[in-house]
Amino acid sequence: MPSASGLLFATFLGSATRRLQVQLVGKTYPRGWDRVPGYILSSGLFIGGYLVFDSYIQSNRKLLDRRLAILREQRAVKDVFYEFEEEPDHRQTADKSGRFFRLFDKFGAPYK
């Protein structure tokens, strides 16, 4: 949605551009009212450009917000996936307190 400050800024830029054009050309007007249509056209061109680009910016912002929301959902699902408690190992070989495993660890240790 166009803002009032954006419209005022576009109007200012249009008027400043028209003033610069008139000064560069050096044209003089017989009456003051003859200058108004040029200023209106120049300001209207800048305001129109502002409105067109503002609509593109708004649509891109909506698209970016949707993509960020999807990424947040994916991260939440990923975080939920990794939130689990490890269950103790109930296999028979999990208890390494037996004589076989002590020998296995002893002979499997690196040489010092």
PDB file of N, CA and C in Angstrom:
ATOM      1  N   MET A   1       0.853  -1.170   0.000  1.00  0.00           N
ATOM      2  CA  MET A   1       0.000   0.000   0.000  1.00  0.00           C
ATOM      3  C   MET A   1       0.896   1.227   0.000  1.00  0.00           C
ATOM      4  N   PRO A   2       0.639   2.131  -0.901  1.00  0.00           N
ATOM      5  CA  PRO A   2       1.478   3.335  -0.979  1.00  0.00           C
ATOM      6  C   PRO A   2       1.332   4.190   0.276  1.00  0.00           C
ATOM      7  N   SER A   3       2.432   4.743   0.690  1.00  0.00           N
ATOM      8  CA  SER A   3       2.406   5.584   1.884  1.00  0.00           C
ATOM      9  C   SER A   3       2.361   7.052   1.479  1.00  0.00           C
ATOM     10  N   ALA A   4       1.939   7.870   2.414  1.00  0.00           N
ATOM     11  CA  ALA A   4       1.858   9.314   2.152  1.00  0.00           C
ATOM     12  C   ALA A   4       3.257   9.891   1.941  1.00  0.00           C
ATOM     13  N   SER A   5       4.219   9.402   2.703  1.00  0.00           N
ATOM     14  CA  SER A   5       5.583   9.920   2.546  1.00  0.00           C
ATOM     15  C   SER A   5       6.151   9.547   1.180  1.00  0.00           C
ATOM     16  N   GLY A   6       5.820   8.343   0.697  1.00  0.00           N
ATOM     17  CA  GLY A   6       6.277   7.937  -0.633  1.00  0.00           C
ATOM     18  C   GLY A   6       5.672   8.789  -1.725  1.00  0.00           C
ATOM     19  N   LEU A   7       4.383   9.085  -1.590  1.00  0.00           N
ATOM     20  CA  LEU A   7       3.730   9.947  -2.583  1.00  0.00           C
ATOM     21  C   LEU A   7       4.300  11.364  -2.555  1.00  0.00           C
ATOM     22  N   LEU A   8       4.537  11.889  -1.362  1.00  0.00           N
ATOM     23  CA  LEU A   8       5.133  13.226  -1.259  1.00  0.00           C
ATOM     24  C   LEU A   8       6.546  13.254  -1.833  1.00  0.00           C
ATOM     25  N   PHE A   9       7.309  12.200  -1.573  1.00  0.00           N
ATOM     26  CA  PHE A   9       8.669  12.139  -2.088  1.00  0.00           C
ATOM     27  C   PHE A   9       8.667  12.047  -3.613  1.00  0.00           C
ATOM     28  N   ALA A  10       7.747  11.249  -4.182  1.00  0.00           N
ATOM     29  CA  ALA A  10       7.641  11.144  -5.638  1.00  0.00           C
ATOM     30  C   ALA A  10       7.228  12.480  -6.245  1.00  0.00           C
ATOM     31  N   THR A  11       6.315  13.183  -5.579  1.00  0.00           N
ATOM     32  CA  THR A  11       5.905  14.511  -6.056  1.00  0.00           C
ATOM     33  C   THR A  11       7.083  15.472  -6.015  1.00  0.00           C
ATOM     34  N   PHE A  12       7.842  15.447  -4.939  1.00  0.00           N
ATOM     35  CA  PHE A  12       9.015  16.316  -4.827  1.00  0.00           C
ATOM     36  C   PHE A  12      10.041  16.006  -5.918  1.00  0.00           C
ATOM     37  N   LEU A  13      10.304  14.718  -6.137  1.00  0.00           N
ATOM     38  CA  LEU A  13      11.268  14.354  -7.181  1.00  0.00           C
ATOM     39  C   LEU A  13      10.786  14.775  -8.569  1.00  0.00           C
ATOM     40  N   GLY A  14       9.487  14.613  -8.834  1.00  0.00           N
ATOM     41  CA  GLY A  14       8.942  15.039 -10.122  1.00  0.00           C
ATOM     42  C   GLY A  14       9.070  16.537 -10.322  1.00  0.00           C
ATOM     43  N   SER A  15       8.756  17.302  -9.283  1.00  0.00           N
ATOM     44  CA  SER A  15       8.863  18.758  -9.379  1.00  0.00           C
ATOM     45  C   SER A  15      10.318  19.194  -9.521  1.00  0.00           C
ATOM     46  N   ALA A  16      11.205  18.569  -8.778  1.00  0.00           N
ATOM     47  CA  ALA A  16      12.622  18.925  -8.867  1.00  0.00           C
ATOM     48  C   ALA A  16      13.186  18.580 -10.241  1.00  0.00           C
ATOM     49  N   THR A  17      12.751  17.463 -10.795  1.00  0.00           N
ATOM     50  CA  THR A  17      13.206  17.073 -12.130  1.00  0.00           C
ATOM     51  C   THR A  17      12.717  18.064 -13.175  1.00  0.00           C
ATOM     52  N   ARG A  18      11.469  18.466 -13.066  1.00  0.00           N
ATOM     53  CA  ARG A  18      10.928  19.441 -14.028  1.00  0.00           C
ATOM     54  C   ARG A  18      11.649  20.781 -13.896  1.00  0.00           C
ATOM     55  N   ARG A  19      11.924  21.182 -12.680  1.00  0.00           N
ATOM     56  CA  ARG A  19      12.644  22.451 -12.478  1.00  0.00           C
ATOM     57  C   ARG A  19      14.034  22.385 -13.090  1.00  0.00           C
ATOM     58  N   LEU A  20      14.720  21.250 -12.917  1.00  0.00           N
ATOM     59  CA  LEU A  20      16.044  21.077 -13.509  1.00  0.00           C
ATOM     60  C   LEU A  20      15.972  21.095 -15.032  1.00  0.00           C
ATOM     61  N   GLN A  21      14.946  20.462 -15.588  1.00  0.00           N
ATOM     62  CA  GLN A  21      14.771  20.477 -17.048  1.00  0.00           C
ATOM     63  C   GLN A  21      14.577  21.892 -17.570  1.00  0.00           C
ATOM     64  N   VAL A  22      13.741  22.639 -16.881  1.00  0.00           N
ATOM     65  CA  VAL A  22      13.459  24.012 -17.322  1.00  0.00           C
ATOM     66  C   VAL A  22      14.717  24.872 -17.208  1.00  0.00           C
ATOM     67  N   GLN A  23      15.477  24.686 -16.151  1.00  0.00           N
ATOM     68  CA  GLN A  23      16.701  25.481 -15.988  1.00  0.00           C
ATOM     69  C   GLN A  23      17.759  25.094 -17.016  1.00  0.00           C
ATOM     70  N   LEU A  24      17.861  23.806 -17.350  1.00  0.00           N
ATOM     71  CA  LEU A  24      18.839  23.388 -18.346  1.00  0.00           C
ATOM     72  C   LEU A  24      18.509  23.936 -19.726  1.00  0.00           C
ATOM     73  N   VAL A  25      17.241  23.927 -20.081  1.00  0.00           N
ATOM     74  CA  VAL A  25      16.826  24.425 -21.388  1.00  0.00           C
ATOM     75  C   VAL A  25      16.840  25.948 -21.411  1.00  0.00           C
ATOM     76  N   GLY A  26      16.543  26.556 -20.282  1.00  0.00           N
ATOM     77  CA  GLY A  26      16.517  28.014 -20.196  1.00  0.00           C
ATOM     78  C   GLY A  26      15.239  28.622 -20.738  1.00  0.00           C
ATOM     79  N   LYS A  27      14.172  27.880 -20.710  1.00  0.00           N
ATOM     80  CA  LYS A  27      12.906  28.365 -21.255  1.00  0.00           C
ATOM     81  C   LYS A  27      12.257  29.336 -20.268  1.00  0.00           C
ATOM     82  N   THR A  28      11.690  30.380 -20.803  1.00  0.00           N
ATOM     83  CA  THR A  28      10.946  31.341 -19.986  1.00  0.00           C
ATOM     84  C   THR A  28       9.482  31.286 -20.405  1.00  0.00           C
ATOM     85  N   TYR A  29       8.612  31.416 -19.431  1.00  0.00           N
ATOM     86  CA  TYR A  29       7.173  31.341 -19.681  1.00  0.00           C
ATOM     87  C   TYR A  29       6.589  32.741 -19.539  1.00  0.00           C
ATOM     88  N   PRO A  30       5.645  33.086 -20.419  1.00  0.00           N
ATOM     89  CA  PRO A  30       5.043  34.416 -20.315  1.00  0.00           C
ATOM     90  C   PRO A  30       4.174  34.565 -19.067  1.00  0.00           C
ATOM     91  N   ARG A  31       3.517  33.483 -18.656  1.00  0.00           N
ATOM     92  CA  ARG A  31       2.694  33.523 -17.449  1.00  0.00           C
ATOM     93  C   ARG A  31       3.087  32.380 -16.526  1.00  0.00           C
ATOM     94  N   GLY A  32       2.803  32.549 -15.266  1.00  0.00           N
ATOM     95  CA  GLY A  32       3.152  31.527 -14.276  1.00  0.00           C
ATOM     96  C   GLY A  32       2.343  30.252 -14.429  1.00  0.00           C
ATOM     97  N   TRP A  33       1.100  30.381 -14.902  1.00  0.00           N
ATOM     98  CA  TRP A  33       0.230  29.209 -15.025  1.00  0.00           C
ATOM     99  C   TRP A  33       0.643  28.310 -16.187  1.00  0.00           C
ATOM    100  N   ASP A  34       1.444  28.816 -17.094  1.00  0.00           N
ATOM    101  CA  ASP A  34       1.879  27.986 -18.215  1.00  0.00           C
ATOM    102  C   ASP A  34       2.892  26.919 -17.777  1.00  0.00           C
ATOM    103  N   ARG A  35       3.485  27.092 -16.624  1.00  0.00           N
ATOM    104  CA  ARG A  35       4.449  26.113 -16.114  1.00  0.00           C
ATOM    105  C   ARG A  35       3.763  24.910 -15.458  1.00  0.00           C
ATOM    106  N   VAL A  36       2.553  25.081 -14.974  1.00  0.00           N
ATOM    107  CA  VAL A  36       1.869  24.068 -14.164  1.00  0.00           C
ATOM    108  C   VAL A  36       1.684  22.731 -14.889  1.00  0.00           C
ATOM    109  N   PRO A  37       1.244  22.678 -16.153  1.00  0.00           N
ATOM    110  CA  PRO A  37       1.052  21.363 -16.795  1.00  0.00           C
ATOM    111  C   PRO A  37       2.333  20.531 -16.850  1.00  0.00           C
ATOM    112  N   GLY A  38       3.462  21.163 -17.074  1.00  0.00           N
ATOM    113  CA  GLY A  38       4.728  20.421 -17.100  1.00  0.00           C
ATOM    114  C   GLY A  38       5.062  19.823 -15.744  1.00  0.00           C
ATOM    115  N   TYR A  39       4.855  20.616 -14.703  1.00  0.00           N
ATOM    116  CA  TYR A  39       5.110  20.113 -13.353  1.00  0.00           C
ATOM    117  C   TYR A  39       4.146  18.982 -12.995  1.00  0.00           C
ATOM    118  N   ILE A  40       2.892  19.110 -13.399  1.00  0.00           N
ATOM    119  CA  ILE A  40       1.900  18.074 -13.115  1.00  0.00           C
ATOM    120  C   ILE A  40       2.256  16.784 -13.846  1.00  0.00           C
ATOM    121  N   LEU A  41       2.653  16.894 -15.116  1.00  0.00           N
ATOM    122  CA  LEU A  41       3.021  15.702 -15.869  1.00  0.00           C
ATOM    123  C   LEU A  41       4.265  15.023 -15.289  1.00  0.00           C
ATOM    124  N   SER A  42       5.247  15.810 -14.950  1.00  0.00           N
ATOM    125  CA  SER A  42       6.473  15.245 -14.387  1.00  0.00           C
ATOM    126  C   SER A  42       6.204  14.583 -13.030  1.00  0.00           C
ATOM    127  N   SER A  43       5.449  15.267 -12.183  1.00  0.00           N
ATOM    128  CA  SER A  43       5.114  14.679 -10.885  1.00  0.00           C
ATOM    129  C   SER A  43       4.240  13.442 -11.055  1.00  0.00           C
ATOM    130  N   GLY A  44       3.304  13.496 -11.991  1.00  0.00           N
ATOM    131  CA  GLY A  44       2.448  12.337 -12.253  1.00  0.00           C
ATOM    132  C   GLY A  44       3.241  11.136 -12.745  1.00  0.00           C
ATOM    133  N   LEU A  45       4.258  11.380 -13.553  1.00  0.00           N
ATOM    134  CA  LEU A  45       5.104  10.295 -14.025  1.00  0.00           C
ATOM    135  C   LEU A  45       5.848   9.643 -12.858  1.00  0.00           C
ATOM    136  N   PHE A  46       6.382  10.457 -11.970  1.00  0.00           N
ATOM    137  CA  PHE A  46       7.091   9.903 -10.817  1.00  0.00           C
ATOM    138  C   PHE A  46       6.135   9.186  -9.856  1.00  0.00           C
ATOM    139  N   ILE A  47       4.946   9.732  -9.652  1.00  0.00           N
ATOM    140  CA  ILE A  47       3.967   9.082  -8.774  1.00  0.00           C
ATOM    141  C   ILE A  47       3.511   7.757  -9.383  1.00  0.00           C
ATOM    142  N   GLY A  48       3.277   7.735 -10.692  1.00  0.00           N
ATOM    143  CA  GLY A  48       2.898   6.490 -11.367  1.00  0.00           C
ATOM    144  C   GLY A  48       3.980   5.428 -11.240  1.00  0.00           C
ATOM    145  N   GLY A  49       5.227   5.829 -11.423  1.00  0.00           N
ATOM    146  CA  GLY A  49       6.335   4.896 -11.249  1.00  0.00           C
ATOM    147  C   GLY A  49       6.399   4.374  -9.825  1.00  0.00           C
ATOM    148  N   TYR A  50       6.171   5.265  -8.874  1.00  0.00           N
ATOM    149  CA  TYR A  50       6.174   4.843  -7.465  1.00  0.00           C
ATOM    150  C   TYR A  50       5.066   3.824  -7.207  1.00  0.00           C
ATOM    151  N   LEU A  51       3.876   4.071  -7.732  1.00  0.00           N
ATOM    152  CA  LEU A  51       2.759   3.149  -7.508  1.00  0.00           C
ATOM    153  C   LEU A  51       3.022   1.786  -8.144  1.00  0.00           C
ATOM    154  N   VAL A  52       3.608   1.769  -9.342  1.00  0.00           N
ATOM    155  CA  VAL A  52       3.900   0.505 -10.009  1.00  0.00           C
ATOM    156  C   VAL A  52       4.949  -0.283  -9.222  1.00  0.00           C
ATOM    157  N   PHE A  53       6.026   0.372  -8.846  1.00  0.00           N
ATOM    158  CA  PHE A  53       7.081  -0.329  -8.115  1.00  0.00           C
ATOM    159  C   PHE A  53       6.625  -0.731  -6.714  1.00  0.00           C
ATOM    160  N   ASP A  54       5.756   0.054  -6.115  1.00  0.00           N
ATOM    161  CA  ASP A  54       5.250  -0.304  -4.794  1.00  0.00           C
ATOM    162  C   ASP A  54       4.430  -1.592  -4.850  1.00  0.00           C
ATOM    163  N   SER A  55       3.653  -1.777  -5.912  1.00  0.00           N
ATOM    164  CA  SER A  55       2.874  -3.018  -6.034  1.00  0.00           C
ATOM    165  C   SER A  55       3.807  -4.216  -6.207  1.00  0.00           C
ATOM    166  N   TYR A  56       4.882  -4.064  -6.974  1.00  0.00           N
ATOM    167  CA  TYR A  56       5.856  -5.155  -7.107  1.00  0.00           C
ATOM    168  C   TYR A  56       6.527  -5.460  -5.770  1.00  0.00           C
ATOM    169  N   ILE A  57       6.871  -4.443  -5.045  1.00  0.00           N
ATOM    170  CA  ILE A  57       7.524  -4.632  -3.751  1.00  0.00           C
ATOM    171  C   ILE A  57       6.582  -5.337  -2.780  1.00  0.00           C
ATOM    172  N   GLN A  58       5.310  -4.951  -2.772  1.00  0.00           N
ATOM    173  CA  GLN A  58       4.341  -5.591  -1.875  1.00  0.00           C
ATOM    174  C   GLN A  58       4.141  -7.064  -2.226  1.00  0.00           C
ATOM    175  N   SER A  59       4.042  -7.380  -3.515  1.00  0.00           N
ATOM    176  CA  SER A  59       3.855  -8.788  -3.896  1.00  0.00           C
ATOM    177  C   SER A  59       5.093  -9.607  -3.560  1.00  0.00           C
ATOM    178  N   ASN A  60       6.276  -9.043  -3.750  1.00  0.00           N
ATOM    179  CA  ASN A  60       7.500  -9.759  -3.382  1.00  0.00           C
ATOM    180  C   ASN A  60       7.603  -9.949  -1.871  1.00  0.00           C
ATOM    181  N   ARG A  61       7.152  -8.955  -1.113  1.00  0.00           N
ATOM    182  CA  ARG A  61       7.181  -9.073   0.346  1.00  0.00           C
ATOM    183  C   ARG A  61       6.237 -10.179   0.814  1.00  0.00           C
ATOM    184  N   LYS A  62       5.050 -10.277   0.210  1.00  0.00           N
ATOM    185  CA  LYS A  62       4.114 -11.345   0.566  1.00  0.00           C
ATOM    186  C   LYS A  62       4.701 -12.716   0.229  1.00  0.00           C
ATOM    187  N   LEU A  63       5.332 -12.815  -0.939  1.00  0.00           N
ATOM    188  CA  LEU A  63       5.947 -14.075  -1.337  1.00  0.00           C
ATOM    189  C   LEU A  63       7.076 -14.457  -0.382  1.00  0.00           C
ATOM    190  N   LEU A  64       7.885 -13.490  -0.001  1.00  0.00           N
ATOM    191  CA  LEU A  64       8.973 -13.746   0.941  1.00  0.00           C
ATOM    192  C   LEU A  64       8.432 -14.171   2.303  1.00  0.00           C
ATOM    193  N   ASP A  65       7.370 -13.534   2.770  1.00  0.00           N
ATOM    194  CA  ASP A  65       6.770 -13.919   4.050  1.00  0.00           C
ATOM    195  C   ASP A  65       6.236 -15.352   4.008  1.00  0.00           C
ATOM    196  N   ARG A  66       5.619 -15.733   2.876  1.00  0.00           N
ATOM    197  CA  ARG A  66       5.122 -17.100   2.744  1.00  0.00           C
ATOM    198  C   ARG A  66       6.281 -18.104   2.760  1.00  0.00           C
ATOM    199  N   ARG A  67       7.350 -17.782   2.050  1.00  0.00           N
ATOM    200  CA  ARG A  67       8.496 -18.688   2.018  1.00  0.00           C
ATOM    201  C   ARG A  67       9.145 -18.802   3.392  1.00  0.00           C
ATOM    202  N   LEU A  68       9.244 -17.695   4.104  1.00  0.00           N
ATOM    203  CA  LEU A  68       9.820 -17.751   5.441  1.00  0.00           C
ATOM    204  C   LEU A  68       8.943 -18.551   6.395  1.00  0.00           C
ATOM    205  N   ALA A  69       7.625 -18.437   6.257  1.00  0.00           N
ATOM    206  CA  ALA A  69       6.718 -19.227   7.099  1.00  0.00           C
ATOM    207  C   ALA A  69       6.891 -20.721   6.818  1.00  0.00           C
ATOM    208  N   ILE A  70       7.040 -21.081   5.553  1.00  0.00           N
ATOM    209  CA  ILE A  70       7.247 -22.490   5.202  1.00  0.00           C
ATOM    210  C   ILE A  70       8.572 -22.985   5.772  1.00  0.00           C
ATOM    211  N   LEU A  71       9.622 -22.166   5.683  1.00  0.00           N
ATOM    212  CA  LEU A  71      10.912 -22.559   6.245  1.00  0.00           C
ATOM    213  C   LEU A  71      10.832 -22.726   7.761  1.00  0.00           C
ATOM    214  N   ARG A  72      10.093 -21.843   8.427  1.00  0.00           N
ATOM    215  CA  ARG A  72       9.933 -21.981   9.876  1.00  0.00           C
ATOM    216  C   ARG A  72       9.210 -23.283  10.225  1.00  0.00           C
ATOM    217  N   GLU A  73       8.189 -23.625   9.449  1.00  0.00           N
ATOM    218  CA  GLU A  73       7.479 -24.876   9.685  1.00  0.00           C
ATOM    219  C   GLU A  73       8.389 -26.076   9.478  1.00  0.00           C
ATOM    220  N   GLN A  74       9.216 -26.019   8.422  1.00  0.00           N
ATOM    221  CA  GLN A  74      10.132 -27.127   8.165  1.00  0.00           C
ATOM    222  C   GLN A  74      11.153 -27.262   9.286  1.00  0.00           C
ATOM    223  N   ARG A  75      11.649 -26.145   9.790  1.00  0.00           N
ATOM    224  CA  ARG A  75      12.604 -26.198  10.898  1.00  0.00           C
ATOM    225  C   ARG A  75      11.943 -26.747  12.157  1.00  0.00           C
ATOM    226  N   ALA A  76      10.689 -26.371  12.387  1.00  0.00           N
ATOM    227  CA  ALA A  76       9.977 -26.887  13.566  1.00  0.00           C
ATOM    228  C   ALA A  76       9.798 -28.393  13.453  1.00  0.00           C
ATOM    229  N   VAL A  77       9.461 -28.880  12.269  1.00  0.00           N
ATOM    230  CA  VAL A  77       9.298 -30.324  12.068  1.00  0.00           C
ATOM    231  C   VAL A  77      10.638 -31.021  12.270  1.00  0.00           C
ATOM    232  N   LYS A  78      11.708 -30.420  11.766  1.00  0.00           N
ATOM    233  CA  LYS A  78      13.041 -31.007  11.922  1.00  0.00           C
ATOM    234  C   LYS A  78      13.446 -31.036  13.398  1.00  0.00           C
ATOM    235  N   ASP A  79      13.152 -29.961  14.121  1.00  0.00           N
ATOM    236  CA  ASP A  79      13.475 -29.933  15.548  1.00  0.00           C
ATOM    237  C   ASP A  79      12.687 -30.988  16.322  1.00  0.00           C
ATOM    238  N   VAL A  80      11.416 -31.177  15.965  1.00  0.00           N
ATOM    239  CA  VAL A  80      10.604 -32.189  16.636  1.00  0.00           C
ATOM    240  C   VAL A  80      11.167 -33.582  16.339  1.00  0.00           C
ATOM    241  N   PHE A  81      11.669 -33.767  15.125  1.00  0.00           N
ATOM    242  CA  PHE A  81      12.237 -35.070  14.766  1.00  0.00           C
ATOM    243  C   PHE A  81      13.449 -35.405  15.627  1.00  0.00           C
ATOM    244  N   TYR A  82      14.271 -34.413  15.922  1.00  0.00           N
ATOM    245  CA  TYR A  82      15.476 -34.668  16.696  1.00  0.00           C
ATOM    246  C   TYR A  82      15.253 -34.629  18.212  1.00  0.00           C
ATOM    247  N   GLU A  83      14.049 -34.333  18.650  1.00  0.00           N
ATOM    248  CA  GLU A  83      13.751 -34.333  20.076  1.00  0.00           C
ATOM    249  C   GLU A  83      13.235 -35.714  20.474  1.00  0.00           C
ATOM    250  N   PHE A  84      14.132 -36.554  20.864  1.00  0.00           N
ATOM    251  CA  PHE A  84      13.739 -37.866  21.341  1.00  0.00           C
ATOM    252  C   PHE A  84      14.709 -38.280  22.441  1.00  0.00           C
ATOM    253  N   GLU A  85      14.222 -39.178  23.276  1.00  0.00           N
ATOM    254  CA  GLU A  85      15.059 -39.693  24.354  1.00  0.00           C
ATOM    255  C   GLU A  85      15.588 -41.050  23.945  1.00  0.00           C
ATOM    256  N   GLU A  86      16.850 -41.221  24.160  1.00  0.00           N
ATOM    257  CA  GLU A  86      17.436 -42.495  23.806  1.00  0.00           C
ATOM    258  C   GLU A  86      17.056 -43.540  24.847  1.00  0.00           C
ATOM    259  N   GLU A  87      16.579 -44.645  24.379  1.00  0.00           N
ATOM    260  CA  GLU A  87      16.231 -45.738  25.271  1.00  0.00           C
ATOM    261  C   GLU A  87      17.501 -46.527  25.580  1.00  0.00           C
ATOM    262  N   PRO A  88      17.567 -47.065  26.761  1.00  0.00           N
ATOM    263  CA  PRO A  88      18.748 -47.895  27.059  1.00  0.00           C
ATOM    264  C   PRO A  88      18.766 -49.130  26.167  1.00  0.00           C
ATOM    265  N   ASP A  89      19.946 -49.608  25.903  1.00  0.00           N
ATOM    266  CA  ASP A  89      20.103 -50.767  25.031  1.00  0.00           C
ATOM    267  C   ASP A  89      19.759 -52.037  25.804  1.00  0.00           C
ATOM    268  N   HIS A  90      18.739 -52.760  25.334  1.00  0.00           N
ATOM    269  CA  HIS A  90      18.273 -53.948  26.045  1.00  0.00           C
ATOM    270  C   HIS A  90      18.789 -55.244  25.428  1.00  0.00           C
ATOM    271  N   ARG A  91      19.721 -55.143  24.515  1.00  0.00           N
ATOM    272  CA  ARG A  91      20.246 -56.359  23.892  1.00  0.00           C
ATOM    273  C   ARG A  91      21.122 -57.134  24.880  1.00  0.00           C
ATOM    274  N   GLN A  92      21.284 -58.370  24.603  1.00  0.00           N
ATOM    275  CA  GLN A  92      22.085 -59.202  25.497  1.00  0.00           C
ATOM    276  C   GLN A  92      23.555 -58.808  25.469  1.00  0.00           C
ATOM    277  N   THR A  93      24.004 -58.316  24.340  1.00  0.00           N
ATOM    278  CA  THR A  93      25.415 -57.952  24.221  1.00  0.00           C
ATOM    279  C   THR A  93      25.685 -56.539  24.699  1.00  0.00           C
ATOM    280  N   ALA A  94      24.667 -55.860  25.177  1.00  0.00           N
ATOM    281  CA  ALA A  94      24.856 -54.465  25.600  1.00  0.00           C
ATOM    282  C   ALA A  94      25.620 -54.404  26.915  1.00  0.00           C
ATOM    283  N   ASP A  95      25.470 -55.400  27.742  1.00  0.00           N
ATOM    284  CA  ASP A  95      26.166 -55.419  29.016  1.00  0.00           C
ATOM    285  C   ASP A  95      27.599 -55.897  28.781  1.00  0.00           C
ATOM    286  N   LYS A  96      28.538 -54.989  28.867  1.00  0.00           N
ATOM    287  CA  LYS A  96      29.925 -55.323  28.555  1.00  0.00           C
ATOM    288  C   LYS A  96      30.726 -55.574  29.834  1.00  0.00           C
ATOM    289  N   SER A  97      30.074 -56.104  30.826  1.00  0.00           N
ATOM    290  CA  SER A  97      30.791 -56.370  32.076  1.00  0.00           C
ATOM    291  C   SER A  97      31.317 -57.800  32.134  1.00  0.00           C
ATOM    292  N   GLY A  98      31.015 -58.595  31.116  1.00  0.00           N
ATOM    293  CA  GLY A  98      31.463 -59.988  31.127  1.00  0.00           C
ATOM    294  C   GLY A  98      32.947 -60.122  30.820  1.00  0.00           C
ATOM    295  N   ARG A  99      33.466 -61.318  31.060  1.00  0.00           N
ATOM    296  CA  ARG A  99      34.894 -61.569  30.874  1.00  0.00           C
ATOM    297  C   ARG A  99      35.293 -61.465  29.406  1.00  0.00           C
ATOM    298  N   PHE A 100      34.440 -61.928  28.509  1.00  0.00           N
ATOM    299  CA  PHE A 100      34.750 -61.876  27.076  1.00  0.00           C
ATOM    300  C   PHE A 100      34.978 -60.445  26.611  1.00  0.00           C
ATOM    301  N   PHE A 101      34.091 -59.534  27.019  1.00  0.00           N
ATOM    302  CA  PHE A 101      34.212 -58.154  26.565  1.00  0.00           C
ATOM    303  C   PHE A 101      35.397 -57.450  27.205  1.00  0.00           C
ATOM    304  N   ARG A 102      35.736 -57.831  28.419  1.00  0.00           N
ATOM    305  CA  ARG A 102      36.941 -57.252  29.034  1.00  0.00           C
ATOM    306  C   ARG A 102      38.190 -57.696  28.279  1.00  0.00           C
ATOM    307  N   LEU A 103      38.260 -58.944  27.890  1.00  0.00           N
ATOM    308  CA  LEU A 103      39.388 -59.419  27.089  1.00  0.00           C
ATOM    309  C   LEU A 103      39.396 -58.778  25.707  1.00  0.00           C
ATOM    310  N   PHE A 104      38.215 -58.647  25.133  1.00  0.00           N
ATOM    311  CA  PHE A 104      38.086 -58.035  23.812  1.00  0.00           C
ATOM    312  C   PHE A 104      38.574 -56.582  23.844  1.00  0.00           C
ATOM    313  N   ASP A 105      38.183 -55.840  24.874  1.00  0.00           N
ATOM    314  CA  ASP A 105      38.640 -54.454  25.018  1.00  0.00           C
ATOM    315  C   ASP A 105      40.142 -54.395  25.284  1.00  0.00           C
ATOM    316  N   LYS A 106      40.645 -55.369  26.049  1.00  0.00           N
ATOM    317  CA  LYS A 106      42.065 -55.380  26.378  1.00  0.00           C
ATOM    318  C   LYS A 106      42.907 -55.635  25.133  1.00  0.00           C
ATOM    319  N   PHE A 107      42.551 -56.644  24.353  1.00  0.00           N
ATOM    320  CA  PHE A 107      43.344 -56.960  23.167  1.00  0.00           C
ATOM    321  C   PHE A 107      43.026 -56.040  21.980  1.00  0.00           C
ATOM    322  N   GLY A 108      41.919 -55.374  22.046  1.00  0.00           N
ATOM    323  CA  GLY A 108      41.575 -54.442  20.968  1.00  0.00           C
ATOM    324  C   GLY A 108      42.075 -53.042  21.201  1.00  0.00           C
ATOM    325  N   ALA A 109      42.654 -52.769  22.379  1.00  0.00           N
ATOM    326  CA  ALA A 109      43.152 -51.436  22.693  1.00  0.00           C
ATOM    327  C   ALA A 109      44.425 -51.151  21.897  1.00  0.00           C
ATOM    328  N   PRO A 110      44.671 -49.919  21.553  1.00  0.00           N
ATOM    329  CA  PRO A 110      45.898 -49.607  20.802  1.00  0.00           C
ATOM    330  C   PRO A 110      47.133 -49.852  21.669  1.00  0.00           C
ATOM    331  N   TYR A 111      48.223 -50.213  21.019  1.00  0.00           N
ATOM    332  CA  TYR A 111      49.482 -50.504  21.714  1.00  0.00           C
ATOM    333  C   TYR A 111      50.089 -49.225  22.237  1.00  0.00           C
ATOM    334  N   LYS A 112      50.539 -49.253  23.503  1.00  0.00           N
ATOM    335  CA  LYS A 112      51.137 -48.056  24.099  1.00  0.00           C
ATOM    336  C   LYS A 112      52.589 -48.277  24.383  1.00  0.00           C
TER     337      LYS A 112
END
